[in-house]
Protein backbone atom coordinates (compact mmCIF):
# COMPACT_ATOMS: atom_id res chain seq x y z
CA MET A 1 282.04 70.68 122.05
CA ASN A 2 280.98 73.46 124.39
CA LYS A 3 280.69 75.96 121.09
CA LEU A 4 277.81 73.77 119.70
CA ARG A 5 276.14 73.25 122.98
CA GLU A 6 276.35 77.79 123.14
CA ARG A 7 274.87 77.55 119.30
CA TRP A 8 272.49 75.35 119.76
CA ASN A 9 271.56 76.48 123.10
CA ILE A 10 272.08 72.88 125.07
CA LYS A 11 271.23 73.03 129.01
CA SER A 12 272.89 69.19 129.82
CA ASN A 13 275.13 66.58 128.25
CA PHE A 14 272.31 63.90 128.31
CA GLN A 15 270.09 66.37 125.79
CA PHE A 16 273.18 66.66 123.97
CA PHE A 17 273.83 63.08 123.96
CA ILE A 18 270.58 62.05 122.63
CA ILE A 19 270.47 65.07 120.17
CA LEU A 20 274.24 63.51 118.34
CA LEU A 21 271.98 59.39 118.79
CA VAL A 22 269.17 61.29 117.59
CA PHE A 23 271.05 62.19 114.22
CA ALA A 24 273.02 58.94 113.60
CA ILE A 25 270.32 57.61 113.54
CA THR A 26 268.75 59.20 111.67
CA GLY A 27 271.30 59.37 108.84
CA SER A 28 271.92 55.89 109.23
CA THR A 29 268.30 54.90 108.55
CA SER A 30 267.52 57.35 105.48
CA ALA A 31 270.86 55.76 103.99
CA LEU A 32 269.42 52.00 104.44
CA ILE A 33 265.39 53.38 103.68
CA ALA A 34 266.41 55.50 100.03
CA LYS A 35 268.69 51.74 98.00
CA PRO A 36 265.24 49.63 98.38
CA LEU A 37 263.07 52.81 97.86
CA LEU A 38 264.78 52.85 94.63
CA THR A 39 264.51 49.88 94.25
CA LEU A 40 260.98 49.76 94.26
CA LEU A 41 260.11 52.56 91.41
CA GLY A 42 262.57 50.66 89.22
CA ILE A 43 266.17 52.37 89.67
CA THR A 44 268.99 50.58 89.51
CA LYS A 45 273.15 51.04 88.76
CA GLY A 46 272.74 48.61 86.13
CA THR A 47 269.07 50.14 84.28
CA VAL A 48 270.65 53.91 84.81
CA GLY A 49 273.95 53.73 85.37
CA LEU A 50 275.29 55.49 88.37
CA TRP A 51 276.37 58.90 87.19
CA PHE A 52 272.50 59.71 87.31
CA TYR A 53 271.58 56.32 90.09
CA TYR A 54 273.89 58.40 93.14
CA PRO A 55 272.90 61.87 92.59
CA LEU A 56 269.21 60.22 92.38
CA TYR A 57 270.50 58.25 95.14
CA LEU A 58 271.70 61.72 96.88
CA ILE A 59 267.87 63.75 95.58
CA ILE A 60 265.69 60.83 97.20
CA ILE A 61 267.55 60.99 101.40
CA LEU A 62 267.26 64.20 101.47
CA PRO A 63 263.45 64.00 102.06
CA ILE A 64 263.74 61.08 104.00
CA TYR A 65 266.03 61.96 105.86
CA LYS A 66 264.15 65.98 107.00
CA ILE A 67 261.04 63.47 107.77
CA LEU A 68 263.02 61.11 109.85
CA LEU A 69 264.85 63.37 111.30
CA LEU A 70 261.61 65.15 112.57
CA VAL A 71 259.74 61.67 113.49
CA ILE A 72 263.20 59.95 115.93
CA GLY A 73 263.31 63.34 117.30
CA THR A 74 260.04 64.20 118.31
CA LEU A 75 260.68 60.00 119.88
CA ALA A 76 263.19 60.89 121.64
CA GLY A 77 261.59 64.65 123.82
CA GLN A 78 263.54 66.50 121.56
CA ARG A 79 261.31 68.18 118.32
CA LEU A 80 261.32 71.81 119.13
CA PHE A 81 265.04 71.25 118.65
CA PHE A 82 264.74 69.54 115.43
CA TRP A 83 261.61 71.47 113.94
CA ASN A 84 263.66 74.76 114.39
CA PHE A 85 266.75 72.44 112.98
CA ILE A 86 265.30 71.82 110.03
CA LYS A 87 263.49 74.61 109.45
CA ARG A 88 267.19 76.55 109.50
CA MET A 89 268.03 73.98 106.62
CA LEU A 90 265.55 73.97 104.83
CA THR A 91 266.17 78.15 104.99
CA ARG A 92 269.70 77.98 104.44
CA MET A 93 269.23 75.53 100.62
CA GLY A 94 266.66 78.26 98.97
CA LEU A 95 263.23 76.70 100.58
CA GLY A 96 263.25 78.95 103.49
CA PHE A 97 258.89 80.09 101.91
CA LEU A 98 257.64 76.29 103.16
CA PHE A 99 257.89 78.22 106.52
CA LYS A 100 255.74 81.24 106.11
């Protein structure tokens, strides 16, 4: 826990708790939003098969997760932390050109 606090440059236990809470809420919410979104687009397990559905489900979750992470992180008062986190994540995915 202390290594993570140092790596993320977190000053207090409360800030650490808020950040972990935002990660938990965002992960759960993005998974809950992706399923109805796929159904709205007419994509279900029965129509496209499991081998296509689950990779598409994961691909749909990624942008939803990043958007929710920034929105929920901002509401929690940690906008700067999550903005930098998202930039780092996208850079590691090879999408760093979006921020130049």
